[in-house]
N, C-alpha and C. Protein backbone atom coordinates (compact mmCIF):
# COMPACT_ATOMS: atom_id res chain seq x y z
N UNK A 1 2.58 19.40 -3.47
CA UNK A 1 1.94 19.67 -2.20
C UNK A 1 1.70 18.37 -1.42
N UNK A 2 1.30 17.28 -2.13
CA UNK A 2 1.02 16.02 -1.46
C UNK A 2 2.23 15.54 -0.66
N UNK A 3 3.40 15.51 -1.28
CA UNK A 3 4.60 15.00 -0.60
C UNK A 3 4.95 15.84 0.62
N UNK A 4 4.73 17.14 0.54
CA UNK A 4 4.98 18.02 1.69
C UNK A 4 4.02 17.68 2.83
N UNK A 5 2.75 17.47 2.50
CA UNK A 5 1.77 17.12 3.54
C UNK A 5 2.09 15.78 4.19
N UNK A 6 2.52 14.80 3.38
CA UNK A 6 2.90 13.49 3.94
C UNK A 6 4.10 13.65 4.87
N UNK A 7 5.07 14.43 4.43
CA UNK A 7 6.28 14.65 5.25
C UNK A 7 5.90 15.26 6.61
N UNK A 8 5.05 16.28 6.58
CA UNK A 8 4.62 16.92 7.84
C UNK A 8 3.79 15.95 8.68
N UNK A 9 2.82 15.30 8.04
CA UNK A 9 1.91 14.39 8.75
C UNK A 9 2.65 13.23 9.40
N UNK A 10 3.63 12.68 8.71
CA UNK A 10 4.30 11.47 9.18
C UNK A 10 5.61 11.68 9.92
N UNK A 11 6.23 12.87 9.77
CA UNK A 11 7.57 13.02 10.33
C UNK A 11 7.78 14.27 11.18
N UNK A 12 6.80 15.14 11.23
CA UNK A 12 6.97 16.36 12.01
C UNK A 12 6.76 16.09 13.50
N UNK A 13 7.46 16.84 14.32
CA UNK A 13 7.27 16.76 15.78
C UNK A 13 6.18 17.72 16.25
N UNK A 14 5.80 18.65 15.39
CA UNK A 14 4.81 19.67 15.75
C UNK A 14 3.40 19.09 15.60
N UNK A 15 2.72 18.86 16.73
CA UNK A 15 1.40 18.23 16.72
C UNK A 15 0.36 19.05 15.97
N UNK A 16 0.45 20.37 16.06
CA UNK A 16 -0.52 21.22 15.38
C UNK A 16 -0.34 21.11 13.86
N UNK A 17 0.92 21.17 13.39
CA UNK A 17 1.17 21.02 11.96
C UNK A 17 0.75 19.64 11.45
N UNK A 18 1.00 18.61 12.27
CA UNK A 18 0.56 17.26 11.90
C UNK A 18 -0.95 17.21 11.75
N UNK A 19 -1.66 17.84 12.66
CA UNK A 19 -3.12 17.87 12.62
C UNK A 19 -3.61 18.55 11.34
N UNK A 20 -3.02 19.69 11.02
CA UNK A 20 -3.40 20.42 9.80
C UNK A 20 -3.10 19.56 8.56
N UNK A 21 -1.90 18.98 8.50
CA UNK A 21 -1.51 18.16 7.34
C UNK A 21 -2.44 16.95 7.20
N UNK A 22 -2.76 16.31 8.30
CA UNK A 22 -3.66 15.15 8.28
C UNK A 22 -5.02 15.53 7.71
N UNK A 23 -5.56 16.66 8.17
CA UNK A 23 -6.86 17.12 7.68
C UNK A 23 -6.82 17.46 6.19
N UNK A 24 -5.73 18.09 5.76
CA UNK A 24 -5.61 18.43 4.33
C UNK A 24 -5.45 17.18 3.46
N UNK A 25 -4.72 16.18 3.95
CA UNK A 25 -4.60 14.93 3.20
C UNK A 25 -5.97 14.28 3.00
N UNK A 26 -6.77 14.28 4.06
CA UNK A 26 -8.12 13.70 3.95
C UNK A 26 -8.99 14.52 3.00
N UNK A 27 -8.95 15.83 3.14
CA UNK A 27 -9.81 16.69 2.32
C UNK A 27 -9.40 16.71 0.86
N UNK A 28 -8.12 16.86 0.59
CA UNK A 28 -7.64 17.02 -0.78
C UNK A 28 -7.39 15.71 -1.51
N UNK A 29 -7.01 14.66 -0.77
CA UNK A 29 -6.61 13.41 -1.42
C UNK A 29 -7.41 12.19 -0.96
N UNK A 30 -8.37 12.40 -0.08
CA UNK A 30 -9.21 11.29 0.42
C UNK A 30 -8.35 10.16 0.99
N UNK A 31 -7.33 10.52 1.73
CA UNK A 31 -6.48 9.49 2.33
C UNK A 31 -6.16 9.82 3.78
N UNK A 32 -5.94 8.77 4.54
CA UNK A 32 -5.51 8.89 5.93
C UNK A 32 -4.21 8.11 6.05
N UNK A 33 -3.19 8.75 6.61
CA UNK A 33 -1.91 8.08 6.82
C UNK A 33 -1.53 8.29 8.28
N UNK A 34 -1.50 7.19 9.02
CA UNK A 34 -1.23 7.26 10.45
C UNK A 34 -0.39 6.04 10.82
N UNK A 35 0.92 6.21 10.86
CA UNK A 35 1.83 5.11 11.15
C UNK A 35 2.64 5.41 12.40
N UNK A 36 2.84 4.39 13.20
CA UNK A 36 3.70 4.55 14.37
C UNK A 36 5.12 4.88 13.92
N UNK A 37 5.55 4.25 12.82
CA UNK A 37 6.89 4.49 12.28
C UNK A 37 6.85 4.28 10.77
N UNK A 38 7.31 5.29 10.01
CA UNK A 38 7.31 5.18 8.55
C UNK A 38 8.60 5.80 8.00
N UNK A 39 9.30 5.03 7.18
CA UNK A 39 10.53 5.52 6.56
C UNK A 39 10.22 6.66 5.59
N UNK A 40 11.12 7.61 5.50
CA UNK A 40 10.92 8.77 4.63
C UNK A 40 10.96 8.42 3.15
N UNK A 41 11.43 7.23 2.78
CA UNK A 41 11.51 6.84 1.38
C UNK A 41 10.22 6.22 0.84
N UNK A 42 9.22 6.01 1.68
CA UNK A 42 7.96 5.40 1.24
C UNK A 42 7.32 6.28 0.16
N UNK A 43 6.88 5.63 -0.93
CA UNK A 43 6.24 6.34 -2.04
C UNK A 43 4.76 5.98 -2.13
N UNK A 44 3.95 6.98 -2.43
CA UNK A 44 2.53 6.77 -2.64
C UNK A 44 2.21 7.12 -4.09
N UNK A 45 1.80 6.13 -4.87
CA UNK A 45 1.40 6.39 -6.26
C UNK A 45 0.04 7.06 -6.27
N UNK A 46 -0.19 7.90 -7.24
CA UNK A 46 -1.48 8.57 -7.43
C UNK A 46 -1.92 9.33 -6.18
N UNK A 47 -0.96 9.92 -5.47
CA UNK A 47 -1.23 10.72 -4.27
C UNK A 47 -2.05 9.97 -3.23
N UNK A 48 -1.89 8.68 -3.15
CA UNK A 48 -2.54 7.85 -2.13
C UNK A 48 -4.06 7.99 -2.13
N UNK A 49 -4.62 8.33 -3.26
CA UNK A 49 -6.08 8.53 -3.35
C UNK A 49 -6.82 7.31 -2.79
N UNK A 50 -7.72 7.57 -1.87
CA UNK A 50 -8.56 6.53 -1.31
C UNK A 50 -7.88 5.60 -0.32
N UNK A 51 -6.67 5.90 0.08
CA UNK A 51 -5.94 5.01 1.00
C UNK A 51 -6.26 5.32 2.46
N UNK A 52 -6.32 4.26 3.25
CA UNK A 52 -6.33 4.36 4.70
C UNK A 52 -5.15 3.53 5.18
N UNK A 53 -4.15 4.21 5.70
CA UNK A 53 -2.90 3.55 6.09
C UNK A 53 -2.69 3.76 7.59
N UNK A 54 -2.91 2.70 8.35
CA UNK A 54 -2.69 2.72 9.80
C UNK A 54 -1.83 1.50 10.10
N UNK A 55 -0.52 1.71 10.14
CA UNK A 55 0.43 0.61 10.28
C UNK A 55 1.30 0.78 11.51
N UNK A 56 1.83 -0.33 11.99
CA UNK A 56 2.82 -0.27 13.07
C UNK A 56 4.13 0.29 12.53
N UNK A 57 4.53 -0.21 11.35
CA UNK A 57 5.79 0.25 10.76
C UNK A 57 5.74 -0.01 9.25
N UNK A 58 6.23 0.99 8.50
CA UNK A 58 6.44 0.81 7.06
C UNK A 58 7.90 1.14 6.80
N UNK A 59 8.63 0.16 6.29
CA UNK A 59 10.08 0.27 6.12
C UNK A 59 10.45 0.95 4.80
N UNK A 60 11.73 1.01 4.53
CA UNK A 60 12.29 1.74 3.39
C UNK A 60 11.83 1.17 2.05
N UNK A 61 11.68 2.09 1.10
CA UNK A 61 11.42 1.78 -0.31
C UNK A 61 10.12 1.03 -0.58
N UNK A 62 9.14 1.21 0.27
CA UNK A 62 7.81 0.64 0.04
C UNK A 62 7.07 1.56 -0.92
N UNK A 63 6.29 0.96 -1.84
CA UNK A 63 5.46 1.72 -2.77
C UNK A 63 4.02 1.28 -2.55
N UNK A 64 3.14 2.25 -2.34
CA UNK A 64 1.73 1.98 -2.08
C UNK A 64 0.89 2.67 -3.14
N UNK A 65 0.05 1.90 -3.83
CA UNK A 65 -0.82 2.45 -4.86
C UNK A 65 -2.15 2.90 -4.26
N UNK A 66 -3.07 3.34 -5.09
CA UNK A 66 -4.33 3.93 -4.64
C UNK A 66 -5.30 2.89 -4.06
N UNK A 67 -6.22 3.39 -3.22
CA UNK A 67 -7.30 2.59 -2.63
C UNK A 67 -6.81 1.41 -1.79
N UNK A 68 -5.64 1.55 -1.19
CA UNK A 68 -5.09 0.52 -0.32
C UNK A 68 -5.53 0.78 1.11
N UNK A 69 -5.86 -0.30 1.82
CA UNK A 69 -6.16 -0.20 3.25
C UNK A 69 -5.16 -1.04 4.02
N UNK A 70 -4.52 -0.42 4.99
CA UNK A 70 -3.63 -1.12 5.91
C UNK A 70 -4.13 -0.76 7.30
N UNK A 71 -4.48 -1.76 8.11
CA UNK A 71 -5.01 -1.43 9.42
C UNK A 71 -5.29 -2.63 10.28
N UNK A 72 -6.17 -2.41 11.24
CA UNK A 72 -6.48 -3.41 12.27
C UNK A 72 -7.46 -4.46 11.76
N UNK A 73 -7.46 -5.56 12.45
CA UNK A 73 -8.39 -6.66 12.21
C UNK A 73 -8.83 -7.20 13.57
N UNK A 74 -9.26 -6.28 14.42
CA UNK A 74 -9.62 -6.61 15.80
C UNK A 74 -10.90 -7.44 15.89
N UNK A 75 -10.98 -8.19 16.94
CA UNK A 75 -12.25 -8.83 17.29
C UNK A 75 -12.34 -8.89 18.81
N UNK A 76 -13.57 -8.74 19.29
CA UNK A 76 -13.80 -8.74 20.74
C UNK A 76 -14.38 -10.09 21.15
N UNK A 77 -13.71 -10.74 22.07
CA UNK A 77 -14.14 -12.04 22.60
C UNK A 77 -15.03 -11.77 23.81
N UNK A 78 -16.34 -11.99 23.62
CA UNK A 78 -17.29 -11.72 24.70
C UNK A 78 -17.19 -12.73 25.84
N UNK A 79 -16.72 -13.93 25.52
CA UNK A 79 -16.56 -14.96 26.56
C UNK A 79 -15.43 -14.58 27.51
N UNK A 80 -14.29 -14.18 26.95
CA UNK A 80 -13.12 -13.80 27.75
C UNK A 80 -13.10 -12.34 28.14
N UNK A 81 -14.04 -11.57 27.60
CA UNK A 81 -14.15 -10.14 27.88
C UNK A 81 -12.84 -9.40 27.55
N UNK A 82 -12.31 -9.69 26.31
CA UNK A 82 -11.08 -9.01 25.90
C UNK A 82 -10.96 -8.94 24.38
N UNK A 83 -10.17 -7.98 23.93
CA UNK A 83 -9.89 -7.82 22.51
C UNK A 83 -8.82 -8.81 22.09
N UNK A 84 -8.95 -9.32 20.87
CA UNK A 84 -7.98 -10.24 20.30
C UNK A 84 -7.50 -9.70 18.95
N UNK A 85 -6.40 -10.22 18.49
CA UNK A 85 -5.84 -9.83 17.20
C UNK A 85 -5.44 -8.35 17.20
N UNK A 86 -4.91 -7.89 18.32
CA UNK A 86 -4.58 -6.47 18.50
C UNK A 86 -3.26 -6.14 17.81
N UNK A 87 -3.25 -5.07 17.07
CA UNK A 87 -2.04 -4.59 16.40
C UNK A 87 -2.26 -4.36 14.93
N UNK A 88 -1.37 -3.60 14.34
CA UNK A 88 -1.44 -3.25 12.92
C UNK A 88 -0.24 -3.83 12.18
N UNK A 89 -0.33 -3.95 10.86
CA UNK A 89 0.73 -4.58 10.07
C UNK A 89 2.08 -3.86 10.13
N UNK A 90 3.11 -4.66 9.89
CA UNK A 90 4.46 -4.16 9.62
C UNK A 90 4.74 -4.51 8.17
N UNK A 91 5.16 -3.51 7.41
CA UNK A 91 5.49 -3.70 6.00
C UNK A 91 7.01 -3.58 5.89
N UNK A 92 7.67 -4.67 5.53
CA UNK A 92 9.14 -4.69 5.47
C UNK A 92 9.65 -3.96 4.23
N UNK A 93 10.97 -3.89 4.08
CA UNK A 93 11.62 -3.15 2.99
C UNK A 93 11.23 -3.65 1.60
N UNK A 94 11.16 -2.70 0.67
CA UNK A 94 11.00 -2.98 -0.76
C UNK A 94 9.70 -3.70 -1.12
N UNK A 95 8.66 -3.50 -0.35
CA UNK A 95 7.36 -4.11 -0.65
C UNK A 95 6.58 -3.19 -1.57
N UNK A 96 5.86 -3.78 -2.50
CA UNK A 96 4.96 -3.04 -3.39
C UNK A 96 3.55 -3.51 -3.09
N UNK A 97 2.66 -2.55 -2.86
CA UNK A 97 1.27 -2.86 -2.55
C UNK A 97 0.40 -2.27 -3.65
N UNK A 98 -0.23 -3.15 -4.43
CA UNK A 98 -0.98 -2.74 -5.62
C UNK A 98 -2.37 -2.22 -5.26
N UNK A 99 -3.02 -1.65 -6.26
CA UNK A 99 -4.33 -1.02 -6.15
C UNK A 99 -5.35 -1.88 -5.40
N UNK A 100 -6.01 -1.28 -4.43
CA UNK A 100 -7.14 -1.91 -3.76
C UNK A 100 -6.80 -3.02 -2.79
N UNK A 101 -5.53 -3.26 -2.51
CA UNK A 101 -5.16 -4.32 -1.58
C UNK A 101 -5.55 -3.95 -0.15
N UNK A 102 -5.85 -4.97 0.64
CA UNK A 102 -6.20 -4.81 2.06
C UNK A 102 -5.23 -5.67 2.86
N UNK A 103 -4.53 -5.04 3.80
CA UNK A 103 -3.57 -5.74 4.67
C UNK A 103 -4.00 -5.43 6.09
N UNK A 104 -4.44 -6.45 6.81
CA UNK A 104 -5.11 -6.21 8.09
C UNK A 104 -4.58 -7.09 9.20
N UNK A 105 -4.39 -6.50 10.38
CA UNK A 105 -4.04 -7.23 11.59
C UNK A 105 -2.58 -7.15 11.96
N UNK A 106 -2.22 -7.81 13.06
CA UNK A 106 -0.84 -7.79 13.55
C UNK A 106 0.03 -8.79 12.78
N UNK A 107 0.30 -8.46 11.53
CA UNK A 107 1.03 -9.36 10.63
C UNK A 107 2.26 -8.65 10.08
N UNK A 108 3.13 -9.42 9.42
CA UNK A 108 4.33 -8.88 8.78
C UNK A 108 4.31 -9.28 7.32
N UNK A 109 4.52 -8.28 6.46
CA UNK A 109 4.69 -8.54 5.03
C UNK A 109 6.20 -8.52 4.80
N UNK A 110 6.75 -9.66 4.40
CA UNK A 110 8.19 -9.83 4.26
C UNK A 110 8.80 -8.98 3.16
N UNK A 111 10.10 -8.68 3.30
CA UNK A 111 10.77 -7.80 2.34
C UNK A 111 10.72 -8.35 0.92
N UNK A 112 10.76 -7.39 0.01
CA UNK A 112 10.78 -7.66 -1.44
C UNK A 112 9.52 -8.36 -1.94
N UNK A 113 8.44 -8.30 -1.18
CA UNK A 113 7.20 -8.94 -1.61
C UNK A 113 6.33 -7.97 -2.38
N UNK A 114 5.38 -8.53 -3.12
CA UNK A 114 4.39 -7.75 -3.85
C UNK A 114 3.02 -8.22 -3.39
N UNK A 115 2.18 -7.27 -3.03
CA UNK A 115 0.79 -7.58 -2.67
C UNK A 115 -0.04 -7.19 -3.89
N UNK A 116 -0.68 -8.16 -4.51
CA UNK A 116 -1.40 -7.95 -5.76
C UNK A 116 -2.65 -7.10 -5.60
N UNK A 117 -3.11 -6.57 -6.73
CA UNK A 117 -4.31 -5.74 -6.75
C UNK A 117 -5.49 -6.51 -6.18
N UNK A 118 -6.20 -5.86 -5.26
CA UNK A 118 -7.41 -6.45 -4.68
C UNK A 118 -7.17 -7.56 -3.68
N UNK A 119 -5.93 -7.86 -3.35
CA UNK A 119 -5.65 -8.93 -2.40
C UNK A 119 -6.17 -8.56 -1.01
N UNK A 120 -6.59 -9.57 -0.27
CA UNK A 120 -6.98 -9.40 1.13
C UNK A 120 -6.04 -10.28 1.95
N UNK A 121 -5.20 -9.62 2.74
CA UNK A 121 -4.15 -10.33 3.46
C UNK A 121 -4.32 -10.11 4.96
N UNK A 122 -4.56 -11.20 5.68
CA UNK A 122 -4.72 -11.15 7.14
C UNK A 122 -3.74 -12.09 7.85
N UNK A 123 -2.80 -12.64 7.07
CA UNK A 123 -1.77 -13.53 7.63
C UNK A 123 -0.41 -13.06 7.13
N UNK A 124 0.62 -13.28 7.91
CA UNK A 124 1.96 -12.86 7.51
C UNK A 124 2.36 -13.51 6.19
N UNK A 125 3.10 -12.75 5.40
CA UNK A 125 3.57 -13.20 4.08
C UNK A 125 5.10 -13.25 4.13
N UNK A 126 5.70 -14.38 3.72
CA UNK A 126 7.17 -14.47 3.76
C UNK A 126 7.84 -13.52 2.77
N UNK A 127 9.10 -13.24 3.02
CA UNK A 127 9.89 -12.39 2.12
C UNK A 127 9.90 -12.99 0.71
N UNK A 128 10.08 -12.11 -0.28
CA UNK A 128 10.22 -12.51 -1.68
C UNK A 128 9.03 -13.31 -2.20
N UNK A 129 7.82 -12.84 -1.85
CA UNK A 129 6.60 -13.51 -2.26
C UNK A 129 5.72 -12.58 -3.08
N UNK A 130 4.79 -13.17 -3.80
CA UNK A 130 3.71 -12.45 -4.45
C UNK A 130 2.43 -12.92 -3.76
N UNK A 131 1.72 -11.98 -3.13
CA UNK A 131 0.47 -12.32 -2.44
C UNK A 131 -0.70 -11.91 -3.33
N UNK A 132 -1.75 -12.71 -3.33
CA UNK A 132 -2.90 -12.46 -4.19
C UNK A 132 -4.13 -13.10 -3.56
N UNK A 133 -5.30 -12.75 -4.08
CA UNK A 133 -6.54 -13.34 -3.56
C UNK A 133 -6.68 -13.10 -2.07
N UNK A 134 -7.18 -14.12 -1.38
CA UNK A 134 -7.33 -14.04 0.07
C UNK A 134 -6.26 -14.93 0.70
N UNK A 135 -5.25 -14.30 1.27
CA UNK A 135 -4.15 -14.98 1.97
C UNK A 135 -3.43 -16.04 1.14
N UNK A 136 -3.37 -15.84 -0.16
CA UNK A 136 -2.62 -16.74 -1.04
C UNK A 136 -1.28 -16.08 -1.37
N UNK A 137 -0.25 -16.89 -1.52
CA UNK A 137 1.04 -16.35 -1.94
C UNK A 137 1.86 -17.42 -2.63
N UNK A 138 2.82 -16.95 -3.43
CA UNK A 138 3.76 -17.84 -4.11
C UNK A 138 5.10 -17.13 -4.15
N UNK A 139 6.19 -17.86 -4.41
CA UNK A 139 7.50 -17.20 -4.50
C UNK A 139 7.52 -16.19 -5.65
N UNK A 140 8.20 -15.10 -5.43
CA UNK A 140 8.35 -14.06 -6.44
C UNK A 140 9.46 -14.47 -7.40
N UNK A 141 9.23 -14.27 -8.69
CA UNK A 141 10.24 -14.55 -9.71
C UNK A 141 11.28 -13.42 -9.66
N UNK A 142 12.51 -13.76 -9.30
CA UNK A 142 13.55 -12.74 -9.12
C UNK A 142 13.93 -12.03 -10.42
N UNK A 143 13.50 -12.57 -11.55
CA UNK A 143 13.83 -11.97 -12.84
C UNK A 143 12.86 -10.87 -13.27
N UNK A 144 11.82 -10.61 -12.45
CA UNK A 144 10.82 -9.62 -12.81
C UNK A 144 10.53 -8.67 -11.66
N UNK A 145 10.33 -7.39 -12.01
CA UNK A 145 9.72 -6.43 -11.10
C UNK A 145 8.25 -6.39 -11.47
N UNK A 146 7.38 -6.50 -10.49
CA UNK A 146 5.95 -6.47 -10.74
C UNK A 146 5.38 -5.12 -10.32
N UNK A 147 4.58 -4.53 -11.15
CA UNK A 147 3.83 -3.31 -10.90
C UNK A 147 4.68 -2.05 -10.87
N UNK A 148 5.80 -2.08 -10.20
CA UNK A 148 6.64 -0.89 -10.06
C UNK A 148 8.10 -1.28 -10.20
N UNK A 149 8.85 -0.40 -10.85
CA UNK A 149 10.30 -0.55 -10.95
C UNK A 149 10.90 0.84 -10.96
N UNK A 150 12.06 1.04 -10.39
CA UNK A 150 12.70 2.36 -10.48
C UNK A 150 12.90 2.79 -11.94
N UNK A 151 12.95 1.82 -12.85
CA UNK A 151 13.10 2.08 -14.28
C UNK A 151 11.71 1.98 -14.93
N UNK A 152 10.82 2.94 -14.60
CA UNK A 152 9.43 2.87 -15.06
C UNK A 152 9.33 3.09 -16.56
N UNK A 153 8.28 2.52 -17.13
CA UNK A 153 8.02 2.60 -18.57
C UNK A 153 7.67 4.03 -18.96
N UNK A 154 8.05 4.40 -20.17
CA UNK A 154 7.69 5.70 -20.71
C UNK A 154 6.18 5.72 -20.97
N UNK A 155 5.46 6.73 -20.47
CA UNK A 155 4.01 6.78 -20.67
C UNK A 155 3.59 6.71 -22.14
N UNK A 156 4.42 7.19 -23.05
CA UNK A 156 4.09 7.13 -24.48
C UNK A 156 3.99 5.68 -24.97
N UNK A 157 4.79 4.79 -24.40
CA UNK A 157 4.70 3.38 -24.77
C UNK A 157 3.36 2.79 -24.34
N UNK A 158 2.87 3.20 -23.19
CA UNK A 158 1.56 2.72 -22.72
C UNK A 158 0.46 3.25 -23.63
N UNK A 159 0.54 4.53 -23.97
CA UNK A 159 -0.46 5.12 -24.87
C UNK A 159 -0.46 4.40 -26.21
N UNK A 160 0.73 4.15 -26.75
CA UNK A 160 0.84 3.44 -28.03
C UNK A 160 0.25 2.03 -27.92
N UNK A 161 0.57 1.30 -26.85
CA UNK A 161 0.04 -0.06 -26.66
C UNK A 161 -1.48 -0.03 -26.55
N UNK A 162 -2.03 0.95 -25.84
CA UNK A 162 -3.48 1.05 -25.71
C UNK A 162 -4.15 1.34 -27.05
N UNK A 163 -3.56 2.22 -27.85
CA UNK A 163 -4.11 2.52 -29.17
C UNK A 163 -4.11 1.27 -30.05
N UNK A 164 -3.05 0.48 -29.96
CA UNK A 164 -2.98 -0.75 -30.74
C UNK A 164 -4.05 -1.74 -30.27
N UNK A 165 -4.24 -1.87 -28.97
CA UNK A 165 -5.29 -2.75 -28.44
C UNK A 165 -6.66 -2.34 -28.96
N UNK A 166 -6.94 -1.04 -28.92
CA UNK A 166 -8.23 -0.53 -29.39
C UNK A 166 -8.40 -0.79 -30.88
N UNK A 167 -7.35 -0.53 -31.66
CA UNK A 167 -7.42 -0.76 -33.11
C UNK A 167 -7.68 -2.24 -33.41
N UNK A 168 -6.97 -3.15 -32.72
CA UNK A 168 -7.18 -4.58 -32.90
C UNK A 168 -8.60 -4.98 -32.51
N UNK A 169 -9.07 -4.46 -31.41
CA UNK A 169 -10.45 -4.74 -30.95
C UNK A 169 -11.46 -4.27 -31.98
N UNK A 170 -11.30 -3.03 -32.44
CA UNK A 170 -12.24 -2.46 -33.41
C UNK A 170 -12.23 -3.25 -34.71
N UNK A 171 -11.07 -3.75 -35.12
CA UNK A 171 -10.98 -4.52 -36.36
C UNK A 171 -11.72 -5.86 -36.22
N UNK A 172 -11.67 -6.48 -35.06
CA UNK A 172 -12.34 -7.78 -34.83
C UNK A 172 -13.84 -7.61 -34.63
N UNK A 173 -14.27 -6.46 -34.16
CA UNK A 173 -15.70 -6.26 -33.86
C UNK A 173 -16.30 -5.35 -34.87
């Protein structure tokens, strides 16, 4: 149902259906998705729970995890009597945005980049980077996929690894 609602909300020409889909996304999944332009291949992990996505453009093969905020970073200049920093982010191709990341303002996240969990990004990030902390980034290691890969791990391996961690912890304590 989630993917159908996203498809209607983001790609339908019917304003009434978009309105209904938008309301259902907020009610059922606690998320808002409002993009000027979004590729149909964009994936939302965990049904975009807790996400607020207001972007200028999200390109192909982007993956967005839960509790992500993408939006404005406006400020009003009282001296000049005008708004500054107007616009929303553009997310280029093949970007992965991890849990709780915030991407704000008229910036561009370069292709093949990863935005780390909890990162706060208010400045453009070059292609092939890993962004973390507050506006920090480093080159991405081309030998690794971080957070997401089309060849995802079998959930049983994660369960097994967690059981081993717990057993090791319990043995030490």
